[in-house]
Amino acid sequence: ERGIRARLAEARPDDGIFGEEYGVEGSSDRQ
């Protein structure tokens, strides 16, 4: 999950993320 989040931060910085291990990040309509 850390690896996926790190890559998304680079490629889709404006998108939100919801992961099992580290929860919700951001509030975009794209998650």
mmCIF file of all heavy atoms, coordinates in Angstrom:
data_MODEL
# 
_entry.id   MODEL 
# 
loop_
_atom_site.group_PDB 
_atom_site.id 
_atom_site.type_symbol 
_atom_site.label_atom_id 
_atom_site.label_alt_id 
_atom_site.label_comp_id 
_atom_site.label_asym_id 
_atom_site.label_entity_id 
_atom_site.label_seq_id 
_atom_site.pdbx_PDB_ins_code 
_atom_site.Cartn_x 
_atom_site.Cartn_y 
_atom_site.Cartn_z 
_atom_site.occupancy 
_atom_site.B_iso_or_equiv 
_atom_site.pdbx_formal_charge 
_atom_site.auth_seq_id 
_atom_site.auth_comp_id 
_atom_site.auth_asym_id 
_atom_site.auth_atom_id 
_atom_site.pdbx_PDB_model_num 
ATOM 1   N N   . GLU A 1 1  ? 0.825   -1.213 0.000   1.00 0.00 ? 1  GLU A N   1 
ATOM 2   C CA  . GLU A 1 1  ? 0.000   0.000  0.000   1.00 0.00 ? 1  GLU A CA  1 
ATOM 3   C C   . GLU A 1 1  ? 0.858   1.261  0.000   1.00 0.00 ? 1  GLU A C   1 
ATOM 4   O O   . GLU A 1 1  ? 0.531   2.231  -0.693  1.00 0.00 ? 1  GLU A O   1 
ATOM 5   C CB  . GLU A 1 1  ? -0.966  0.011  1.172   1.00 0.00 ? 1  GLU A CB  1 
ATOM 6   C CG  . GLU A 1 1  ? -1.932  1.184  1.095   1.00 0.00 ? 1  GLU A CG  1 
ATOM 7   C CD  . GLU A 1 1  ? -3.101  1.084  2.043   1.00 0.00 ? 1  GLU A CD  1 
ATOM 8   O OE1 . GLU A 1 1  ? -3.581  -0.039 2.296   1.00 0.00 ? 1  GLU A OE1 1 
ATOM 9   O OE2 . GLU A 1 1  ? -3.538  2.147  2.524   1.00 0.00 ? 1  GLU A OE2 1 
ATOM 10  N N   . ARG A 1 2  ? 1.941   1.259  0.737   1.00 0.00 ? 2  ARG A N   1 
ATOM 11  C CA  . ARG A 1 2  ? 2.821   2.442  0.718   1.00 0.00 ? 2  ARG A CA  1 
ATOM 12  C C   . ARG A 1 2  ? 3.358   2.694  -0.684  1.00 0.00 ? 2  ARG A C   1 
ATOM 13  O O   . ARG A 1 2  ? 3.433   3.850  -1.135  1.00 0.00 ? 2  ARG A O   1 
ATOM 14  C CB  . ARG A 1 2  ? 3.977   2.262  1.700   1.00 0.00 ? 2  ARG A CB  1 
ATOM 15  C CG  . ARG A 1 2  ? 3.589   2.390  3.162   1.00 0.00 ? 2  ARG A CG  1 
ATOM 16  C CD  . ARG A 1 2  ? 4.816   2.582  4.033   1.00 0.00 ? 2  ARG A CD  1 
ATOM 17  N NE  . ARG A 1 2  ? 5.779   1.497  3.898   1.00 0.00 ? 2  ARG A NE  1 
ATOM 18  C CZ  . ARG A 1 2  ? 5.798   0.420  4.674   1.00 0.00 ? 2  ARG A CZ  1 
ATOM 19  N NH1 . ARG A 1 2  ? 4.892   0.282  5.632   1.00 0.00 ? 2  ARG A NH1 1 
ATOM 20  N NH2 . ARG A 1 2  ? 6.707   -0.521 4.494   1.00 0.00 ? 2  ARG A NH2 1 
ATOM 21  N N   . GLY A 1 3  ? 3.737   1.635  -1.380  1.00 0.00 ? 3  GLY A N   1 
ATOM 22  C CA  . GLY A 1 3  ? 4.255   1.787  -2.732  1.00 0.00 ? 3  GLY A CA  1 
ATOM 23  C C   . GLY A 1 3  ? 3.211   2.338  -3.687  1.00 0.00 ? 3  GLY A C   1 
ATOM 24  O O   . GLY A 1 3  ? 3.509   3.213  -4.519  1.00 0.00 ? 3  GLY A O   1 
ATOM 25  N N   . ILE A 1 4  ? 1.988   1.848  -3.600  1.00 0.00 ? 4  ILE A N   1 
ATOM 26  C CA  . ILE A 1 4  ? 0.912   2.340  -4.464  1.00 0.00 ? 4  ILE A CA  1 
ATOM 27  C C   . ILE A 1 4  ? 0.624   3.805  -4.164  1.00 0.00 ? 4  ILE A C   1 
ATOM 28  O O   . ILE A 1 4  ? 0.470   4.633  -5.078  1.00 0.00 ? 4  ILE A O   1 
ATOM 29  C CB  . ILE A 1 4  ? -0.351  1.478  -4.285  1.00 0.00 ? 4  ILE A CB  1 
ATOM 30  C CG1 . ILE A 1 4  ? -0.117  0.074  -4.842  1.00 0.00 ? 4  ILE A CG1 1 
ATOM 31  C CG2 . ILE A 1 4  ? -1.553  2.130  -4.975  1.00 0.00 ? 4  ILE A CG2 1 
ATOM 32  C CD1 . ILE A 1 4  ? -1.251  -0.894 -4.585  1.00 0.00 ? 4  ILE A CD1 1 
ATOM 33  N N   . ARG A 1 5  ? 0.565   4.159  -2.886  1.00 0.00 ? 5  ARG A N   1 
ATOM 34  C CA  . ARG A 1 5  ? 0.296   5.547  -2.516  1.00 0.00 ? 5  ARG A CA  1 
ATOM 35  C C   . ARG A 1 5  ? 1.399   6.482  -3.018  1.00 0.00 ? 5  ARG A C   1 
ATOM 36  O O   . ARG A 1 5  ? 1.117   7.602  -3.487  1.00 0.00 ? 5  ARG A O   1 
ATOM 37  C CB  . ARG A 1 5  ? 0.146   5.662  -1.000  1.00 0.00 ? 5  ARG A CB  1 
ATOM 38  C CG  . ARG A 1 5  ? -1.174  5.132  -0.459  1.00 0.00 ? 5  ARG A CG  1 
ATOM 39  C CD  . ARG A 1 5  ? -1.217  5.159  1.052   1.00 0.00 ? 5  ARG A CD  1 
ATOM 40  N NE  . ARG A 1 5  ? -2.504  4.707  1.563   1.00 0.00 ? 5  ARG A NE  1 
ATOM 41  C CZ  . ARG A 1 5  ? -3.543  5.489  1.826   1.00 0.00 ? 5  ARG A CZ  1 
ATOM 42  N NH1 . ARG A 1 5  ? -3.423  6.808  1.667   1.00 0.00 ? 5  ARG A NH1 1 
ATOM 43  N NH2 . ARG A 1 5  ? -4.672  4.992  2.278   1.00 0.00 ? 5  ARG A NH2 1 
ATOM 44  N N   . ALA A 1 6  ? 2.630   6.042  -2.924  1.00 0.00 ? 6  ALA A N   1 
ATOM 45  C CA  . ALA A 1 6  ? 3.741   6.882  -3.372  1.00 0.00 ? 6  ALA A CA  1 
ATOM 46  C C   . ALA A 1 6  ? 3.654   7.143  -4.868  1.00 0.00 ? 6  ALA A C   1 
ATOM 47  O O   . ALA A 1 6  ? 3.872   8.277  -5.334  1.00 0.00 ? 6  ALA A O   1 
ATOM 48  C CB  . ALA A 1 6  ? 5.069   6.230  -3.018  1.00 0.00 ? 6  ALA A CB  1 
ATOM 49  N N   . ARG A 1 7  ? 3.322   6.115  -5.644  1.00 0.00 ? 7  ARG A N   1 
ATOM 50  C CA  . ARG A 1 7  ? 3.221   6.295  -7.093  1.00 0.00 ? 7  ARG A CA  1 
ATOM 51  C C   . ARG A 1 7  ? 2.024   7.170  -7.455  1.00 0.00 ? 7  ARG A C   1 
ATOM 52  O O   . ARG A 1 7  ? 2.102   8.010  -8.362  1.00 0.00 ? 7  ARG A O   1 
ATOM 53  C CB  . ARG A 1 7  ? 3.106   4.926  -7.770  1.00 0.00 ? 7  ARG A CB  1 
ATOM 54  C CG  . ARG A 1 7  ? 2.950   5.007  -9.278  1.00 0.00 ? 7  ARG A CG  1 
ATOM 55  C CD  . ARG A 1 7  ? 4.175   5.619  -9.932  1.00 0.00 ? 7  ARG A CD  1 
ATOM 56  N NE  . ARG A 1 7  ? 3.996   5.730  -11.374 1.00 0.00 ? 7  ARG A NE  1 
ATOM 57  C CZ  . ARG A 1 7  ? 4.085   6.870  -12.053 1.00 0.00 ? 7  ARG A CZ  1 
ATOM 58  N NH1 . ARG A 1 7  ? 4.358   8.010  -11.411 1.00 0.00 ? 7  ARG A NH1 1 
ATOM 59  N NH2 . ARG A 1 7  ? 3.910   6.887  -13.363 1.00 0.00 ? 7  ARG A NH2 1 
ATOM 60  N N   . LEU A 1 8  ? 0.900   7.009  -6.750  1.00 0.00 ? 8  LEU A N   1 
ATOM 61  C CA  . LEU A 1 8  ? -0.265  7.849  -7.007  1.00 0.00 ? 8  LEU A CA  1 
ATOM 62  C C   . LEU A 1 8  ? 0.015   9.312  -6.662  1.00 0.00 ? 8  LEU A C   1 
ATOM 63  O O   . LEU A 1 8  ? -0.491  10.221 -7.334  1.00 0.00 ? 8  LEU A O   1 
ATOM 64  C CB  . LEU A 1 8  ? -1.466  7.347  -6.210  1.00 0.00 ? 8  LEU A CB  1 
ATOM 65  C CG  . LEU A 1 8  ? -2.125  6.070  -6.739  1.00 0.00 ? 8  LEU A CG  1 
ATOM 66  C CD1 . LEU A 1 8  ? -3.190  5.573  -5.761  1.00 0.00 ? 8  LEU A CD1 1 
ATOM 67  C CD2 . LEU A 1 8  ? -2.726  6.282  -8.124  1.00 0.00 ? 8  LEU A CD2 1 
ATOM 68  N N   . ALA A 1 9  ? 0.805   9.540  -5.638  1.00 0.00 ? 9  ALA A N   1 
ATOM 69  C CA  . ALA A 1 9  ? 1.159   10.915 -5.281  1.00 0.00 ? 9  ALA A CA  1 
ATOM 70  C C   . ALA A 1 9  ? 1.910   11.599 -6.414  1.00 0.00 ? 9  ALA A C   1 
ATOM 71  O O   . ALA A 1 9  ? 1.793   12.817 -6.611  1.00 0.00 ? 9  ALA A O   1 
ATOM 72  C CB  . ALA A 1 9  ? 1.991   10.921 -4.009  1.00 0.00 ? 9  ALA A CB  1 
ATOM 73  N N   . GLU A 1 10 ? 2.664   10.819 -7.172  1.00 0.00 ? 10 GLU A N   1 
ATOM 74  C CA  . GLU A 1 10 ? 3.391   11.362 -8.322  1.00 0.00 ? 10 GLU A CA  1 
ATOM 75  C C   . GLU A 1 10 ? 2.486   11.513 -9.544  1.00 0.00 ? 10 GLU A C   1 
ATOM 76  O O   . GLU A 1 10 ? 2.505   12.544 -10.225 1.00 0.00 ? 10 GLU A O   1 
ATOM 77  C CB  . GLU A 1 10 ? 4.555   10.435 -8.693  1.00 0.00 ? 10 GLU A CB  1 
ATOM 78  C CG  . GLU A 1 10 ? 5.623   10.281 -7.635  1.00 0.00 ? 10 GLU A CG  1 
ATOM 79  C CD  . GLU A 1 10 ? 6.639   9.218  -8.005  1.00 0.00 ? 10 GLU A CD  1 
ATOM 80  O OE1 . GLU A 1 10 ? 6.400   8.456  -8.973  1.00 0.00 ? 10 GLU A OE1 1 
ATOM 81  O OE2 . GLU A 1 10 ? 7.678   9.152  -7.335  1.00 0.00 ? 10 GLU A OE2 1 
ATOM 82  N N   . ALA A 1 11 ? 1.723   10.464 -9.818  1.00 0.00 ? 11 ALA A N   1 
ATOM 83  C CA  . ALA A 1 11 ? 0.973   10.412 -11.078 1.00 0.00 ? 11 ALA A CA  1 
ATOM 84  C C   . ALA A 1 11 ? -0.403  11.069 -11.008 1.00 0.00 ? 11 ALA A C   1 
ATOM 85  O O   . ALA A 1 11 ? -0.894  11.594 -12.015 1.00 0.00 ? 11 ALA A O   1 
ATOM 86  C CB  . ALA A 1 11 ? 0.814   8.955  -11.515 1.00 0.00 ? 11 ALA A CB  1 
ATOM 87  N N   . ARG A 1 12 ? -1.061  11.029 -9.845  1.00 0.00 ? 12 ARG A N   1 
ATOM 88  C CA  . ARG A 1 12 ? -2.406  11.583 -9.685  1.00 0.00 ? 12 ARG A CA  1 
ATOM 89  C C   . ARG A 1 12 ? -2.494  12.334 -8.353  1.00 0.00 ? 12 ARG A C   1 
ATOM 90  O O   . ARG A 1 12 ? -3.257  11.963 -7.463  1.00 0.00 ? 12 ARG A O   1 
ATOM 91  C CB  . ARG A 1 12 ? -3.464  10.474 -9.734  1.00 0.00 ? 12 ARG A CB  1 
ATOM 92  C CG  . ARG A 1 12 ? -3.540  9.686  -11.021 1.00 0.00 ? 12 ARG A CG  1 
ATOM 93  C CD  . ARG A 1 12 ? -4.123  10.521 -12.160 1.00 0.00 ? 12 ARG A CD  1 
ATOM 94  N NE  . ARG A 1 12 ? -4.388  9.687  -13.330 1.00 0.00 ? 12 ARG A NE  1 
ATOM 95  C CZ  . ARG A 1 12 ? -3.478  9.383  -14.250 1.00 0.00 ? 12 ARG A CZ  1 
ATOM 96  N NH1 . ARG A 1 12 ? -2.228  9.843  -14.125 1.00 0.00 ? 12 ARG A NH1 1 
ATOM 97  N NH2 . ARG A 1 12 ? -3.797  8.638  -15.295 1.00 0.00 ? 12 ARG A NH2 1 
ATOM 98  N N   . PRO A 1 13 ? -1.724  13.417 -8.199  1.00 0.00 ? 13 PRO A N   1 
ATOM 99  C CA  . PRO A 1 13 ? -1.656  14.098 -6.897  1.00 0.00 ? 13 PRO A CA  1 
ATOM 100 C C   . PRO A 1 13 ? -2.984  14.699 -6.434  1.00 0.00 ? 13 PRO A C   1 
ATOM 101 O O   . PRO A 1 13 ? -3.156  14.946 -5.234  1.00 0.00 ? 13 PRO A O   1 
ATOM 102 C CB  . PRO A 1 13 ? -0.603  15.183 -7.128  1.00 0.00 ? 13 PRO A CB  1 
ATOM 103 C CG  . PRO A 1 13 ? -0.593  15.406 -8.603  1.00 0.00 ? 13 PRO A CG  1 
ATOM 104 C CD  . PRO A 1 13 ? -0.868  14.063 -9.205  1.00 0.00 ? 13 PRO A CD  1 
ATOM 105 N N   . ASP A 1 14 ? -3.901  14.957 -7.349  1.00 0.00 ? 14 ASP A N   1 
ATOM 106 C CA  . ASP A 1 14 ? -5.173  15.572 -6.974  1.00 0.00 ? 14 ASP A CA  1 
ATOM 107 C C   . ASP A 1 14 ? -6.252  14.554 -6.643  1.00 0.00 ? 14 ASP A C   1 
ATOM 108 O O   . ASP A 1 14 ? -7.343  14.925 -6.201  1.00 0.00 ? 14 ASP A O   1 
ATOM 109 C CB  . ASP A 1 14 ? -5.672  16.478 -8.104  1.00 0.00 ? 14 ASP A CB  1 
ATOM 110 C CG  . ASP A 1 14 ? -4.739  17.652 -8.363  1.00 0.00 ? 14 ASP A CG  1 
ATOM 111 O OD1 . ASP A 1 14 ? -4.121  18.134 -7.389  1.00 0.00 ? 14 ASP A OD1 1 
ATOM 112 O OD2 . ASP A 1 14 ? -4.621  18.065 -9.536  1.00 0.00 ? 14 ASP A OD2 1 
ATOM 113 N N   . ASP A 1 15 ? -5.985  13.274 -6.861  1.00 0.00 ? 15 ASP A N   1 
ATOM 114 C CA  . ASP A 1 15 ? -6.968  12.230 -6.594  1.00 0.00 ? 15 ASP A CA  1 
ATOM 115 C C   . ASP A 1 15 ? -6.947  11.818 -5.129  1.00 0.00 ? 15 ASP A C   1 
ATOM 116 O O   . ASP A 1 15 ? -5.914  11.902 -4.452  1.00 0.00 ? 15 ASP A O   1 
ATOM 117 C CB  . ASP A 1 15 ? -6.699  10.998 -7.463  1.00 0.00 ? 15 ASP A CB  1 
ATOM 118 C CG  . ASP A 1 15 ? -6.991  11.242 -8.932  1.00 0.00 ? 15 ASP A CG  1 
ATOM 119 O OD1 . ASP A 1 15 ? -7.456  12.348 -9.272  1.00 0.00 ? 15 ASP A OD1 1 
ATOM 120 O OD2 . ASP A 1 15 ? -6.750  10.314 -9.736  1.00 0.00 ? 15 ASP A OD2 1 
ATOM 121 N N   . GLY A 1 16 ? -8.083  11.331 -4.630  1.00 0.00 ? 16 GLY A N   1 
ATOM 122 C CA  . GLY A 1 16 ? -8.149  10.774 -3.297  1.00 0.00 ? 16 GLY A CA  1 
ATOM 123 C C   . GLY A 1 16 ? -7.735  9.311  -3.281  1.00 0.00 ? 16 GLY A C   1 
ATOM 124 O O   . GLY A 1 16 ? -7.667  8.656  -4.326  1.00 0.00 ? 16 GLY A O   1 
ATOM 125 N N   . ILE A 1 17 ? -7.463  8.816  -2.086  1.00 0.00 ? 17 ILE A N   1 
ATOM 126 C CA  . ILE A 1 17 ? -7.074  7.419  -1.899  1.00 0.00 ? 17 ILE A CA  1 
ATOM 127 C C   . ILE A 1 17 ? -7.803  6.871  -0.677  1.00 0.00 ? 17 ILE A C   1 
ATOM 128 O O   . ILE A 1 17 ? -7.912  7.544  0.352   1.00 0.00 ? 17 ILE A O   1 
ATOM 129 C CB  . ILE A 1 17 ? -5.552  7.268  -1.682  1.00 0.00 ? 17 ILE A CB  1 
ATOM 130 C CG1 . ILE A 1 17 ? -4.766  7.880  -2.845  1.00 0.00 ? 17 ILE A CG1 1 
ATOM 131 C CG2 . ILE A 1 17 ? -5.175  5.802  -1.508  1.00 0.00 ? 17 ILE A CG2 1 
ATOM 132 C CD1 . ILE A 1 17 ? -3.262  7.906  -2.602  1.00 0.00 ? 17 ILE A CD1 1 
ATOM 133 N N   . PHE A 1 18 ? -8.279  5.640  -0.797  1.00 0.00 ? 18 PHE A N   1 
ATOM 134 C CA  . PHE A 1 18 ? -8.802  4.902  0.349   1.00 0.00 ? 18 PHE A CA  1 
ATOM 135 C C   . PHE A 1 18 ? -8.169  3.522  0.327   1.00 0.00 ? 18 PHE A C   1 
ATOM 136 O O   . PHE A 1 18 ? -8.426  2.728  -0.579  1.00 0.00 ? 18 PHE A O   1 
ATOM 137 C CB  . PHE A 1 18 ? -10.323 4.805  0.283   1.00 0.00 ? 18 PHE A CB  1 
ATOM 138 C CG  . PHE A 1 18 ? -10.939 3.988  1.389   1.00 0.00 ? 18 PHE A CG  1 
ATOM 139 C CD1 . PHE A 1 18 ? -10.375 3.926  2.659   1.00 0.00 ? 18 PHE A CD1 1 
ATOM 140 C CD2 . PHE A 1 18 ? -12.103 3.271  1.168   1.00 0.00 ? 18 PHE A CD2 1 
ATOM 141 C CE1 . PHE A 1 18 ? -10.940 3.181  3.672   1.00 0.00 ? 18 PHE A CE1 1 
ATOM 142 C CE2 . PHE A 1 18 ? -12.689 2.519  2.179   1.00 0.00 ? 18 PHE A CE2 1 
ATOM 143 C CZ  . PHE A 1 18 ? -12.106 2.478  3.439   1.00 0.00 ? 18 PHE A CZ  1 
ATOM 144 N N   . GLY A 1 19 ? -7.321  3.243  1.299   1.00 0.00 ? 19 GLY A N   1 
ATOM 145 C CA  . GLY A 1 19 ? -6.652  1.961  1.370   1.00 0.00 ? 19 GLY A CA  1 
ATOM 146 C C   . GLY A 1 19 ? -6.961  1.248  2.665   1.00 0.00 ? 19 GLY A C   1 
ATOM 147 O O   . GLY A 1 19 ? -7.245  1.884  3.684   1.00 0.00 ? 19 GLY A O   1 
ATOM 148 N N   . GLU A 1 20 ? -6.873  -0.064 2.644   1.00 0.00 ? 20 GLU A N   1 
ATOM 149 C CA  . GLU A 1 20 ? -7.195  -0.847 3.837   1.00 0.00 ? 20 GLU A CA  1 
ATOM 150 C C   . GLU A 1 20 ? -6.287  -0.517 5.006   1.00 0.00 ? 20 GLU A C   1 
ATOM 151 O O   . GLU A 1 20 ? -6.737  -0.448 6.155   1.00 0.00 ? 20 GLU A O   1 
ATOM 152 C CB  . GLU A 1 20 ? -7.105  -2.346 3.530   1.00 0.00 ? 20 GLU A CB  1 
ATOM 153 C CG  . GLU A 1 20 ? -7.391  -3.202 4.757   1.00 0.00 ? 20 GLU A CG  1 
ATOM 154 C CD  . GLU A 1 20 ? -7.403  -4.689 4.490   1.00 0.00 ? 20 GLU A CD  1 
ATOM 155 O OE1 . GLU A 1 20 ? -7.058  -5.104 3.365   1.00 0.00 ? 20 GLU A OE1 1 
ATOM 156 O OE2 . GLU A 1 20 ? -7.759  -5.440 5.414   1.00 0.00 ? 20 GLU A OE2 1 
ATOM 157 N N   . GLU A 1 21 ? -5.001  -0.330 4.745   1.00 0.00 ? 21 GLU A N   1 
ATOM 158 C CA  . GLU A 1 21 ? -4.055  -0.194 5.843   1.00 0.00 ? 21 GLU A CA  1 
ATOM 159 C C   . GLU A 1 21 ? -3.863  1.235  6.329   1.00 0.00 ? 21 GLU A C   1 
ATOM 160 O O   . GLU A 1 21 ? -3.557  1.451  7.503   1.00 0.00 ? 21 GLU A O   1 
ATOM 161 C CB  . GLU A 1 21 ? -2.699  -0.778 5.432   1.00 0.00 ? 21 GLU A CB  1 
ATOM 162 C CG  . GLU A 1 21 ? -2.756  -2.215 4.926   1.00 0.00 ? 21 GLU A CG  1 
ATOM 163 C CD  . GLU A 1 21 ? -3.477  -3.151 5.874   1.00 0.00 ? 21 GLU A CD  1 
ATOM 164 O OE1 . GLU A 1 21 ? -3.498  -2.896 7.092   1.00 0.00 ? 21 GLU A OE1 1 
ATOM 165 O OE2 . GLU A 1 21 ? -4.047  -4.152 5.387   1.00 0.00 ? 21 GLU A OE2 1 
ATOM 166 N N   . TYR A 1 22 ? -4.043  2.231  5.457   1.00 0.00 ? 22 TYR A N   1 
ATOM 167 C CA  . TYR A 1 22 ? -3.724  3.612  5.842   1.00 0.00 ? 22 TYR A CA  1 
ATOM 168 C C   . TYR A 1 22 ? -4.880  4.580  5.644   1.00 0.00 ? 22 TYR A C   1 
ATOM 169 O O   . TYR A 1 22 ? -4.691  5.790  5.733   1.00 0.00 ? 22 TYR A O   1 
ATOM 170 C CB  . TYR A 1 22 ? -2.475  4.091  5.091   1.00 0.00 ? 22 TYR A CB  1 
ATOM 171 C CG  . TYR A 1 22 ? -1.244  3.283  5.451   1.00 0.00 ? 22 TYR A CG  1 
ATOM 172 C CD1 . TYR A 1 22 ? -0.732  2.343  4.558   1.00 0.00 ? 22 TYR A CD1 1 
ATOM 173 C CD2 . TYR A 1 22 ? -0.628  3.424  6.687   1.00 0.00 ? 22 TYR A CD2 1 
ATOM 174 C CE1 . TYR A 1 22 ? 0.386   1.579  4.892   1.00 0.00 ? 22 TYR A CE1 1 
ATOM 175 C CE2 . TYR A 1 22 ? 0.480   2.666  7.028   1.00 0.00 ? 22 TYR A CE2 1 
ATOM 176 C CZ  . TYR A 1 22 ? 0.982   1.746  6.123   1.00 0.00 ? 22 TYR A CZ  1 
ATOM 177 O OH  . TYR A 1 22 ? 2.081   0.996  6.465   1.00 0.00 ? 22 TYR A OH  1 
ATOM 178 N N   . GLY A 1 23 ? -6.079  4.061  5.380   1.00 0.00 ? 23 GLY A N   1 
ATOM 179 C CA  . GLY A 1 23 ? -7.269  4.882  5.415   1.00 0.00 ? 23 GLY A CA  1 
ATOM 180 C C   . GLY A 1 23 ? -7.443  5.845  4.255   1.00 0.00 ? 23 GLY A C   1 
ATOM 181 O O   . GLY A 1 23 ? -6.953  5.622  3.150   1.00 0.00 ? 23 GLY A O   1 
ATOM 182 N N   . VAL A 1 24 ? -8.144  6.955  4.542   1.00 0.00 ? 24 VAL A N   1 
ATOM 183 C CA  . VAL A 1 24 ? -8.556  7.907  3.518   1.00 0.00 ? 24 VAL A CA  1 
ATOM 184 C C   . VAL A 1 24 ? -7.584  9.076  3.462   1.00 0.00 ? 24 VAL A C   1 
ATOM 185 O O   . VAL A 1 24 ? -7.141  9.594  4.481   1.00 0.00 ? 24 VAL A O   1 
ATOM 186 C CB  . VAL A 1 24 ? -9.977  8.431  3.799   1.00 0.00 ? 24 VAL A CB  1 
ATOM 187 C CG1 . VAL A 1 24 ? -10.375 9.484  2.778   1.00 0.00 ? 24 VAL A CG1 1 
ATOM 188 C CG2 . VAL A 1 24 ? -10.980 7.279  3.794   1.00 0.00 ? 24 VAL A CG2 1 
ATOM 189 N N   . GLU A 1 25 ? -7.284  9.462  2.223   1.00 0.00 ? 25 GLU A N   1 
ATOM 190 C CA  . GLU A 1 25 ? -6.440  10.620 1.979   1.00 0.00 ? 25 GLU A CA  1 
ATOM 191 C C   . GLU A 1 25 ? -7.067  11.430 0.850   1.00 0.00 ? 25 GLU A C   1 
ATOM 192 O O   . GLU A 1 25 ? -7.340  10.898 -0.221  1.00 0.00 ? 25 GLU A O   1 
ATOM 193 C CB  . GLU A 1 25 ? -5.036  10.169 1.582   1.00 0.00 ? 25 GLU A CB  1 
ATOM 194 C CG  . GLU A 1 25 ? -4.061  11.282 1.277   1.00 0.00 ? 25 GLU A CG  1 
ATOM 195 C CD  . GLU A 1 25 ? -2.700  10.749 0.877   1.00 0.00 ? 25 GLU A CD  1 
ATOM 196 O OE1 . GLU A 1 25 ? -2.392  9.578  1.213   1.00 0.00 ? 25 GLU A OE1 1 
ATOM 197 O OE2 . GLU A 1 25 ? -1.947  11.487 0.221   1.00 0.00 ? 25 GLU A OE2 1 
ATOM 198 N N   . GLY A 1 26 ? -7.329  12.702 1.087   1.00 0.00 ? 26 GLY A N   1 
ATOM 199 C CA  . GLY A 1 26 ? -7.913  13.561 0.062   1.00 0.00 ? 26 GLY A CA  1 
ATOM 200 C C   . GLY A 1 26 ? -9.427  13.432 0.002   1.00 0.00 ? 26 GLY A C   1 
ATOM 201 O O   . GLY A 1 26 ? -10.024 12.543 0.601   1.00 0.00 ? 26 GLY A O   1 
ATOM 202 N N   . SER A 1 27 ? -10.051 14.359 -0.745  1.00 0.00 ? 27 SER A N   1 
ATOM 203 C CA  . SER A 1 27 ? -11.512 14.393 -0.825  1.00 0.00 ? 27 SER A CA  1 
ATOM 204 C C   . SER A 1 27 ? -12.001 14.599 -2.260  1.00 0.00 ? 27 SER A C   1 
ATOM 205 O O   . SER A 1 27 ? -13.084 15.128 -2.484  1.00 0.00 ? 27 SER A O   1 
ATOM 206 C CB  . SER A 1 27 ? -12.060 15.506 0.068   1.00 0.00 ? 27 SER A CB  1 
ATOM 207 O OG  . SER A 1 27 ? -11.498 16.766 -0.289  1.00 0.00 ? 27 SER A OG  1 
ATOM 208 N N   . SER A 1 28 ? -11.221 14.194 -3.224  1.00 0.00 ? 28 SER A N   1 
ATOM 209 C CA  . SER A 1 28 ? -11.579 14.348 -4.622  1.00 0.00 ? 28 SER A CA  1 
ATOM 210 C C   . SER A 1 28 ? -12.757 13.453 -4.992  1.00 0.00 ? 28 SER A C   1 
ATOM 211 O O   . SER A 1 28 ? -13.017 12.441 -4.335  1.00 0.00 ? 28 SER A O   1 
ATOM 212 C CB  . SER A 1 28 ? -10.367 14.001 -5.498  1.00 0.00 ? 28 SER A CB  1 
ATOM 213 O OG  . SER A 1 28 ? -10.725 13.935 -6.863  1.00 0.00 ? 28 SER A OG  1 
ATOM 214 N N   . ASP A 1 29 ? -13.473 13.838 -6.078  1.00 0.00 ? 29 ASP A N   1 
ATOM 215 C CA  . ASP A 1 29 ? -14.519 12.954 -6.573  1.00 0.00 ? 29 ASP A CA  1 
ATOM 216 C C   . ASP A 1 29 ? -13.935 11.748 -7.311  1.00 0.00 ? 29 ASP A C   1 
ATOM 217 O O   . ASP A 1 29 ? -14.651 10.833 -7.705  1.00 0.00 ? 29 ASP A O   1 
ATOM 218 C CB  . ASP A 1 29 ? -15.501 13.704 -7.474  1.00 0.00 ? 29 ASP A CB  1 
ATOM 219 C CG  . ASP A 1 29 ? -14.832 14.350 -8.677  1.00 0.00 ? 29 ASP A CG  1 
ATOM 220 O OD1 . ASP A 1 29 ? -13.597 14.244 -8.819  1.00 0.00 ? 29 ASP A OD1 1 
ATOM 221 O OD2 . ASP A 1 29 ? -15.548 14.986 -9.483  1.00 0.00 ? 29 ASP A OD2 1 
ATOM 222 N N   . ARG A 1 30 ? -12.621 11.746 -7.487  1.00 0.00 ? 30 ARG A N   1 
ATOM 223 C CA  . ARG A 1 30 ? -11.891 10.594 -8.027  1.00 0.00 ? 30 ARG A CA  1 
ATOM 224 C C   . ARG A 1 30 ? -11.117 9.956  -6.877  1.00 0.00 ? 30 ARG A C   1 
ATOM 225 O O   . ARG A 1 30 ? -10.257 10.586 -6.281  1.00 0.00 ? 30 ARG A O   1 
ATOM 226 C CB  . ARG A 1 30 ? -10.924 11.039 -9.130  1.00 0.00 ? 30 ARG A CB  1 
ATOM 227 C CG  . ARG A 1 30 ? -11.585 11.448 -10.421 1.00 0.00 ? 30 ARG A CG  1 
ATOM 228 C CD  . ARG A 1 30 ? -10.566 12.116 -11.359 1.00 0.00 ? 30 ARG A CD  1 
ATOM 229 N NE  . ARG A 1 30 ? -9.313  11.379 -11.437 1.00 0.00 ? 30 ARG A NE  1 
ATOM 230 C CZ  . ARG A 1 30 ? -9.037  10.443 -12.364 1.00 0.00 ? 30 ARG A CZ  1 
ATOM 231 N NH1 . ARG A 1 30 ? -9.944  10.134 -13.283 1.00 0.00 ? 30 ARG A NH1 1 
ATOM 232 N NH2 . ARG A 1 30 ? -7.872  9.838  -12.385 1.00 0.00 ? 30 ARG A NH2 1 
ATOM 233 N N   . GLN A 1 31 ? -11.444 8.722  -6.566  1.00 0.00 ? 31 GLN A N   1 
ATOM 234 C CA  . GLN A 1 31 ? -10.818 8.055  -5.426  1.00 0.00 ? 31 GLN A CA  1 
ATOM 235 C C   . GLN A 1 31 ? -10.281 6.692  -5.845  1.00 0.00 ? 31 GLN A C   1 
ATOM 236 O O   . GLN A 1 31 ? -10.997 5.864  -6.410  1.00 0.00 ? 31 GLN A O   1 
ATOM 237 C CB  . GLN A 1 31 ? -11.818 7.860  -4.290  1.00 0.00 ? 31 GLN A CB  1 
ATOM 238 C CG  . GLN A 1 31 ? -11.214 7.252  -3.030  1.00 0.00 ? 31 GLN A CG  1 
ATOM 239 C CD  . GLN A 1 31 ? -12.252 6.998  -1.948  1.00 0.00 ? 31 GLN A CD  1 
ATOM 240 O OE1 . GLN A 1 31 ? -13.184 6.220  -2.140  1.00 0.00 ? 31 GLN A OE1 1 
ATOM 241 N NE2 . GLN A 1 31 ? -12.078 7.665  -0.824  1.00 0.00 ? 31 GLN A NE2 1 
# 
